[in-house]
Amino acid sequence: MNWNTWLRQIHRWLSIAFTAAVFVNIAAMVQGEQAVWVGLLALLPLVLLLLTGLYLFALPYAAKWRGGLRTGEQG
């Protein structure tokens, strides 16, 4: 697998981790538990999602700047 495929897969798994962290945060809020670490639990996947998402967002534009689409891609 190439770099972009790995990054897309990592981005997908990070979205699952972020969703799980949000559910844990909601469950803790419903129970009335106000631990700081529960609130911060979703921040790490969120920051990584931001970085990978921005990279994946910029890929098509970078391909245009480099002189067109690569072979095998449609757009």
PDB file of N, CA and C in Angstrom:
ATOM      1  N   MET A   1       0.836  -1.185   0.000  1.00  0.00           N
ATOM      2  CA  MET A   1       0.000   0.000   0.000  1.00  0.00           C
ATOM      3  C   MET A   1       0.877   1.243   0.000  1.00  0.00           C
ATOM      4  N   ASN A   2       0.379   2.255  -0.675  1.00  0.00           N
ATOM      5  CA  ASN A   2       1.158   3.484  -0.716  1.00  0.00           C
ATOM      6  C   ASN A   2       0.791   4.396   0.457  1.00  0.00           C
ATOM      7  N   TRP A   3       1.466   5.519   0.533  1.00  0.00           N
ATOM      8  CA  TRP A   3       1.336   6.444   1.659  1.00  0.00           C
ATOM      9  C   TRP A   3      -0.094   6.968   1.787  1.00  0.00           C
ATOM     10  N   ASN A   4      -0.718   7.350   0.668  1.00  0.00           N
ATOM     11  CA  ASN A   4      -2.070   7.906   0.726  1.00  0.00           C
ATOM     12  C   ASN A   4      -3.088   6.877   1.213  1.00  0.00           C
ATOM     13  N   THR A   5      -2.929   5.635   0.817  1.00  0.00           N
ATOM     14  CA  THR A   5      -3.839   4.585   1.255  1.00  0.00           C
ATOM     15  C   THR A   5      -3.711   4.368   2.756  1.00  0.00           C
ATOM     16  N   TRP A   6      -2.486   4.347   3.257  1.00  0.00           N
ATOM     17  CA  TRP A   6      -2.268   4.203   4.700  1.00  0.00           C
ATOM     18  C   TRP A   6      -2.890   5.366   5.455  1.00  0.00           C
ATOM     19  N   LEU A   7      -2.710   6.569   4.938  1.00  0.00           N
ATOM     20  CA  LEU A   7      -3.232   7.747   5.615  1.00  0.00           C
ATOM     21  C   LEU A   7      -4.755   7.751   5.630  1.00  0.00           C
ATOM     22  N   ARG A   8      -5.380   7.322   4.553  1.00  0.00           N
ATOM     23  CA  ARG A   8      -6.843   7.220   4.528  1.00  0.00           C
ATOM     24  C   ARG A   8      -7.335   6.205   5.554  1.00  0.00           C
ATOM     25  N   GLN A   9      -6.637   5.084   5.664  1.00  0.00           N
ATOM     26  CA  GLN A   9      -7.026   4.061   6.638  1.00  0.00           C
ATOM     27  C   GLN A   9      -6.853   4.578   8.068  1.00  0.00           C
ATOM     28  N   ILE A  10      -5.759   5.272   8.329  1.00  0.00           N
ATOM     29  CA  ILE A  10      -5.532   5.860   9.650  1.00  0.00           C
ATOM     30  C   ILE A  10      -6.622   6.876   9.967  1.00  0.00           C
ATOM     31  N   HIS A  11      -7.001   7.673   8.975  1.00  0.00           N
ATOM     32  CA  HIS A  11      -8.047   8.676   9.165  1.00  0.00           C
ATOM     33  C   HIS A  11      -9.377   8.007   9.525  1.00  0.00           C
ATOM     34  N   ARG A  12      -9.681   6.905   8.874  1.00  0.00           N
ATOM     35  CA  ARG A  12     -10.924   6.175   9.179  1.00  0.00           C
ATOM     36  C   ARG A  12     -10.907   5.644  10.616  1.00  0.00           C
ATOM     37  N   TRP A  13      -9.791   5.057  11.030  1.00  0.00           N
ATOM     38  CA  TRP A  13      -9.706   4.516  12.381  1.00  0.00           C
ATOM     39  C   TRP A  13      -9.729   5.629  13.431  1.00  0.00           C
ATOM     40  N   LEU A  14      -9.136   6.762  13.114  1.00  0.00           N
ATOM     41  CA  LEU A  14      -9.185   7.895  14.030  1.00  0.00           C
ATOM     42  C   LEU A  14     -10.613   8.400  14.202  1.00  0.00           C
ATOM     43  N   SER A  15     -11.392   8.362  13.130  1.00  0.00           N
ATOM     44  CA  SER A  15     -12.785   8.800  13.256  1.00  0.00           C
ATOM     45  C   SER A  15     -13.567   7.870  14.168  1.00  0.00           C
ATOM     46  N   ILE A  16     -13.265   6.579  14.121  1.00  0.00           N
ATOM     47  CA  ILE A  16     -13.915   5.625  15.027  1.00  0.00           C
ATOM     48  C   ILE A  16     -13.488   5.904  16.469  1.00  0.00           C
ATOM     49  N   ALA A  17     -12.198   6.154  16.683  1.00  0.00           N
ATOM     50  CA  ALA A  17     -11.706   6.451  18.040  1.00  0.00           C
ATOM     51  C   ALA A  17     -12.320   7.744  18.570  1.00  0.00           C
ATOM     52  N   PHE A  18     -12.450   8.751  17.709  1.00  0.00           N
ATOM     53  CA  PHE A  18     -13.044  10.013  18.131  1.00  0.00           C
ATOM     54  C   PHE A  18     -14.513   9.823  18.506  1.00  0.00           C
ATOM     55  N   THR A  19     -15.240   9.064  17.702  1.00  0.00           N
ATOM     56  CA  THR A  19     -16.647   8.802  17.996  1.00  0.00           C
ATOM     57  C   THR A  19     -16.806   8.066  19.323  1.00  0.00           C
ATOM     58  N   ALA A  20     -15.955   7.077  19.560  1.00  0.00           N
ATOM     59  CA  ALA A  20     -16.008   6.349  20.827  1.00  0.00           C
ATOM     60  C   ALA A  20     -15.699   7.274  21.999  1.00  0.00           C
ATOM     61  N   ALA A  21     -14.730   8.157  21.839  1.00  0.00           N
ATOM     62  CA  ALA A  21     -14.377   9.091  22.910  1.00  0.00           C
ATOM     63  C   ALA A  21     -15.520  10.057  23.195  1.00  0.00           C
ATOM     64  N   VAL A  22     -16.232  10.475  22.163  1.00  0.00           N
ATOM     65  CA  VAL A  22     -17.381  11.357  22.371  1.00  0.00           C
ATOM     66  C   VAL A  22     -18.476  10.619  23.139  1.00  0.00           C
ATOM     67  N   PHE A  23     -18.721   9.351  22.798  1.00  0.00           N
ATOM     68  CA  PHE A  23     -19.721   8.568  23.527  1.00  0.00           C
ATOM     69  C   PHE A  23     -19.330   8.392  24.993  1.00  0.00           C
ATOM     70  N   VAL A  24     -18.049   8.160  25.248  1.00  0.00           N
ATOM     71  CA  VAL A  24     -17.579   8.034  26.632  1.00  0.00           C
ATOM     72  C   VAL A  24     -17.778   9.352  27.372  1.00  0.00           C
ATOM     73  N   ASN A  25     -17.509  10.449  26.699  1.00  0.00           N
ATOM     74  CA  ASN A  25     -17.681  11.765  27.296  1.00  0.00           C
ATOM     75  C   ASN A  25     -19.149  12.020  27.622  1.00  0.00           C
ATOM     76  N   ILE A  26     -20.054  11.674  26.714  1.00  0.00           N
ATOM     77  CA  ILE A  26     -21.481  11.860  26.955  1.00  0.00           C
ATOM     78  C   ILE A  26     -21.946  10.978  28.115  1.00  0.00           C
ATOM     79  N   ALA A  27     -21.482   9.730  28.151  1.00  0.00           N
ATOM     80  CA  ALA A  27     -21.862   8.833  29.237  1.00  0.00           C
ATOM     81  C   ALA A  27     -21.382   9.360  30.585  1.00  0.00           C
ATOM     82  N   ALA A  28     -20.185   9.927  30.614  1.00  0.00           N
ATOM     83  CA  ALA A  28     -19.658  10.479  31.865  1.00  0.00           C
ATOM     84  C   ALA A  28     -20.456  11.703  32.297  1.00  0.00           C
ATOM     85  N   MET A  29     -20.882  12.520  31.341  1.00  0.00           N
ATOM     86  CA  MET A  29     -21.673  13.699  31.672  1.00  0.00           C
ATOM     87  C   MET A  29     -23.044  13.313  32.204  1.00  0.00           C
ATOM     88  N   VAL A  30     -23.638  12.267  31.642  1.00  0.00           N
ATOM     89  CA  VAL A  30     -24.953  11.809  32.107  1.00  0.00           C
ATOM     90  C   VAL A  30     -24.859  11.294  33.537  1.00  0.00           C
ATOM     91  N   GLN A  31     -23.764  10.641  33.871  1.00  0.00           N
ATOM     92  CA  GLN A  31     -23.587  10.113  35.223  1.00  0.00           C
ATOM     93  C   GLN A  31     -23.183  11.197  36.218  1.00  0.00           C
ATOM     94  N   GLY A  32     -22.854  12.373  35.706  1.00  0.00           N
ATOM     95  CA  GLY A  32     -22.487  13.465  36.591  1.00  0.00           C
ATOM     96  C   GLY A  32     -21.019  13.490  36.965  1.00  0.00           C
ATOM     97  N   GLU A  33     -20.211  12.644  36.352  1.00  0.00           N
ATOM     98  CA  GLU A  33     -18.777  12.593  36.642  1.00  0.00           C
ATOM     99  C   GLU A  33     -18.080  13.718  35.881  1.00  0.00           C
ATOM    100  N   GLN A  34     -17.381  14.565  36.578  1.00  0.00           N
ATOM    101  CA  GLN A  34     -16.732  15.714  35.953  1.00  0.00           C
ATOM    102  C   GLN A  34     -15.211  15.577  36.012  1.00  0.00           C
ATOM    103  N   ALA A  35     -14.677  14.542  35.424  1.00  0.00           N
ATOM    104  CA  ALA A  35     -13.227  14.348  35.382  1.00  0.00           C
ATOM    105  C   ALA A  35     -12.670  15.073  34.149  1.00  0.00           C
ATOM    106  N   VAL A  36     -11.569  15.746  34.334  1.00  0.00           N
ATOM    107  CA  VAL A  36     -10.971  16.505  33.244  1.00  0.00           C
ATOM    108  C   VAL A  36     -10.480  15.574  32.140  1.00  0.00           C
ATOM    109  N   TRP A  37      -9.943  14.424  32.518  1.00  0.00           N
ATOM    110  CA  TRP A  37      -9.384  13.519  31.510  1.00  0.00           C
ATOM    111  C   TRP A  37     -10.460  12.988  30.576  1.00  0.00           C
ATOM    112  N   VAL A  38     -11.699  12.896  31.063  1.00  0.00           N
ATOM    113  CA  VAL A  38     -12.780  12.435  30.195  1.00  0.00           C
ATOM    114  C   VAL A  38     -13.060  13.476  29.122  1.00  0.00           C
ATOM    115  N   GLY A  39     -13.027  14.731  29.510  1.00  0.00           N
ATOM    116  CA  GLY A  39     -13.242  15.801  28.542  1.00  0.00           C
ATOM    117  C   GLY A  39     -12.118  15.915  27.545  1.00  0.00           C
ATOM    118  N   LEU A  40     -10.905  15.606  27.972  1.00  0.00           N
ATOM    119  CA  LEU A  40      -9.746  15.697  27.088  1.00  0.00           C
ATOM    120  C   LEU A  40      -9.529  14.434  26.252  1.00  0.00           C
ATOM    121  N   LEU A  41     -10.303  13.412  26.547  1.00  0.00           N
ATOM    122  CA  LEU A  41     -10.138  12.126  25.871  1.00  0.00           C
ATOM    123  C   LEU A  41     -10.300  12.231  24.355  1.00  0.00           C
ATOM    124  N   ALA A  42     -11.189  13.079  23.905  1.00  0.00           N
ATOM    125  CA  ALA A  42     -11.471  13.188  22.476  1.00  0.00           C
ATOM    126  C   ALA A  42     -10.509  14.136  21.755  1.00  0.00           C
ATOM    127  N   LEU A  43      -9.684  14.857  22.476  1.00  0.00           N
ATOM    128  CA  LEU A  43      -8.837  15.859  21.821  1.00  0.00           C
ATOM    129  C   LEU A  43      -7.720  15.261  20.966  1.00  0.00           C
ATOM    130  N   LEU A  44      -7.088  14.205  21.422  1.00  0.00           N
ATOM    131  CA  LEU A  44      -5.994  13.616  20.648  1.00  0.00           C
ATOM    132  C   LEU A  44      -6.484  13.094  19.296  1.00  0.00           C
ATOM    133  N   PRO A  45      -7.545  12.274  19.253  1.00  0.00           N
ATOM    134  CA  PRO A  45      -8.021  11.845  17.935  1.00  0.00           C
ATOM    135  C   PRO A  45      -8.518  13.014  17.089  1.00  0.00           C
ATOM    136  N   LEU A  46      -9.075  14.043  17.752  1.00  0.00           N
ATOM    137  CA  LEU A  46      -9.585  15.183  17.004  1.00  0.00           C
ATOM    138  C   LEU A  46      -8.460  15.956  16.324  1.00  0.00           C
ATOM    139  N   VAL A  47      -7.359  16.159  17.037  1.00  0.00           N
ATOM    140  CA  VAL A  47      -6.219  16.869  16.450  1.00  0.00           C
ATOM    141  C   VAL A  47      -5.619  16.049  15.300  1.00  0.00           C
ATOM    142  N   LEU A  48      -5.485  14.748  15.502  1.00  0.00           N
ATOM    143  CA  LEU A  48      -4.953  13.900  14.433  1.00  0.00           C
ATOM    144  C   LEU A  48      -5.905  13.835  13.244  1.00  0.00           C
ATOM    145  N   LEU A  49      -7.211  13.840  13.508  1.00  0.00           N
ATOM    146  CA  LEU A  49      -8.191  13.887  12.426  1.00  0.00           C
ATOM    147  C   LEU A  49      -8.060  15.181  11.637  1.00  0.00           C
ATOM    148  N   LEU A  50      -7.833  16.275  12.338  1.00  0.00           N
ATOM    149  CA  LEU A  50      -7.657  17.558  11.666  1.00  0.00           C
ATOM    150  C   LEU A  50      -6.451  17.522  10.733  1.00  0.00           C
ATOM    151  N   LEU A  51      -5.342  17.010  11.228  1.00  0.00           N
ATOM    152  CA  LEU A  51      -4.118  16.983  10.419  1.00  0.00           C
ATOM    153  C   LEU A  51      -4.260  16.067   9.200  1.00  0.00           C
ATOM    154  N   THR A  52      -4.769  14.856   9.426  1.00  0.00           N
ATOM    155  CA  THR A  52      -4.923  13.934   8.298  1.00  0.00           C
ATOM    156  C   THR A  52      -6.001  14.415   7.342  1.00  0.00           C
ATOM    157  N   GLY A  53      -7.058  15.004   7.874  1.00  0.00           N
ATOM    158  CA  GLY A  53      -8.127  15.518   7.018  1.00  0.00           C
ATOM    159  C   GLY A  53      -7.665  16.664   6.150  1.00  0.00           C
ATOM    160  N   LEU A  54      -6.878  17.561   6.697  1.00  0.00           N
ATOM    161  CA  LEU A  54      -6.349  18.662   5.891  1.00  0.00           C
ATOM    162  C   LEU A  54      -5.426  18.152   4.792  1.00  0.00           C
ATOM    163  N   TYR A  55      -4.627  17.156   5.110  1.00  0.00           N
ATOM    164  CA  TYR A  55      -3.747  16.571   4.099  1.00  0.00           C
ATOM    165  C   TYR A  55      -4.569  15.929   2.981  1.00  0.00           C
ATOM    166  N   LEU A  56      -5.572  15.134   3.369  1.00  0.00           N
ATOM    167  CA  LEU A  56      -6.398  14.468   2.366  1.00  0.00           C
ATOM    168  C   LEU A  56      -7.207  15.477   1.559  1.00  0.00           C
ATOM    169  N   PHE A  57      -7.613  16.571   2.188  1.00  0.00           N
ATOM    170  CA  PHE A  57      -8.336  17.619   1.473  1.00  0.00           C
ATOM    171  C   PHE A  57      -7.448  18.285   0.426  1.00  0.00           C
ATOM    172  N   ALA A  58      -6.181  18.458   0.740  1.00  0.00           N
ATOM    173  CA  ALA A  58      -5.267  19.158  -0.154  1.00  0.00           C
ATOM    174  C   ALA A  58      -4.738  18.280  -1.290  1.00  0.00           C
ATOM    175  N   LEU A  59      -4.903  16.963  -1.204  1.00  0.00           N
ATOM    176  CA  LEU A  59      -4.351  16.073  -2.228  1.00  0.00           C
ATOM    177  C   LEU A  59      -4.794  16.393  -3.655  1.00  0.00           C
ATOM    178  N   PRO A  60      -6.088  16.564  -3.914  1.00  0.00           N
ATOM    179  CA  PRO A  60      -6.478  16.853  -5.298  1.00  0.00           C
ATOM    180  C   PRO A  60      -5.903  18.170  -5.818  1.00  0.00           C
ATOM    181  N   TYR A  61      -5.820  19.166  -4.955  1.00  0.00           N
ATOM    182  CA  TYR A  61      -5.264  20.449  -5.369  1.00  0.00           C
ATOM    183  C   TYR A  61      -3.768  20.331  -5.630  1.00  0.00           C
ATOM    184  N   ALA A  62      -3.085  19.557  -4.818  1.00  0.00           N
ATOM    185  CA  ALA A  62      -1.651  19.350  -5.026  1.00  0.00           C
ATOM    186  C   ALA A  62      -1.402  18.617  -6.339  1.00  0.00           C
ATOM    187  N   ALA A  63      -2.284  17.688  -6.698  1.00  0.00           N
ATOM    188  CA  ALA A  63      -2.132  16.978  -7.966  1.00  0.00           C
ATOM    189  C   ALA A  63      -2.290  17.937  -9.136  1.00  0.00           C
ATOM    190  N   LYS A  64      -3.212  18.873  -9.021  1.00  0.00           N
ATOM    191  CA  LYS A  64      -3.386  19.872 -10.086  1.00  0.00           C
ATOM    192  C   LYS A  64      -2.162  20.772 -10.184  1.00  0.00           C
ATOM    193  N   TRP A  65      -1.607  21.166  -9.037  1.00  0.00           N
ATOM    194  CA  TRP A  65      -0.436  22.040  -9.032  1.00  0.00           C
ATOM    195  C   TRP A  65       0.784  21.340  -9.624  1.00  0.00           C
ATOM    196  N   ARG A  66       0.840  20.014  -9.467  1.00  0.00           N
ATOM    197  CA  ARG A  66       1.980  19.262  -9.985  1.00  0.00           C
ATOM    198  C   ARG A  66       1.854  18.948 -11.459  1.00  0.00           C
ATOM    199  N   GLY A  67       0.748  19.325 -12.064  1.00  0.00           N
ATOM    200  CA  GLY A  67       0.654  19.130 -13.499  1.00  0.00           C
ATOM    201  C   GLY A  67      -0.406  18.135 -13.930  1.00  0.00           C
ATOM    202  N   GLY A  68      -1.451  17.962 -13.190  1.00  0.00           N
ATOM    203  CA  GLY A  68      -2.533  17.100 -13.629  1.00  0.00           C
ATOM    204  C   GLY A  68      -2.707  15.883 -12.754  1.00  0.00           C
ATOM    205  N   LEU A  69      -3.703  15.100 -13.147  1.00  0.00           N
ATOM    206  CA  LEU A  69      -3.991  13.886 -12.390  1.00  0.00           C
ATOM    207  C   LEU A  69      -2.981  12.804 -12.687  1.00  0.00           C
ATOM    208  N   ARG A  70      -2.761  11.967 -11.704  1.00  0.00           N
ATOM    209  CA  ARG A  70      -1.870  10.828 -11.912  1.00  0.00           C
ATOM    210  C   ARG A  70      -2.582   9.768 -12.721  1.00  0.00           C
ATOM    211  N   THR A  71      -1.840   8.847 -13.257  1.00  0.00           N
ATOM    212  CA  THR A  71      -2.446   7.790 -14.055  1.00  0.00           C
ATOM    213  C   THR A  71      -3.295   6.893 -13.162  1.00  0.00           C
ATOM    214  N   GLY A  72      -4.438   6.500 -13.661  1.00  0.00           N
ATOM    215  CA  GLY A  72      -5.320   5.632 -12.920  1.00  0.00           C
ATOM    216  C   GLY A  72      -6.318   6.366 -12.049  1.00  0.00           C
ATOM    217  N   GLU A  73      -6.226   7.682 -11.975  1.00  0.00           N
ATOM    218  CA  GLU A  73      -7.173   8.462 -11.180  1.00  0.00           C
ATOM    219  C   GLU A  73      -8.177   9.112 -12.089  1.00  0.00           C
ATOM    220  N   GLN A  74      -9.370   9.271 -11.595  1.00  0.00           N
ATOM    221  CA  GLN A  74     -10.408   9.939 -12.339  1.00  0.00           C
ATOM    222  C   GLN A  74     -10.807  11.202 -11.599  1.00  0.00           C
ATOM    223  N   GLY A  75     -11.193  12.210 -12.304  1.00  0.00           N
ATOM    224  CA  GLY A  75     -11.577  13.410 -11.611  1.00  0.00           C
ATOM    225  C   GLY A  75     -12.295  14.312 -12.465  1.00  0.00           C
TER     226      GLY A  75
END
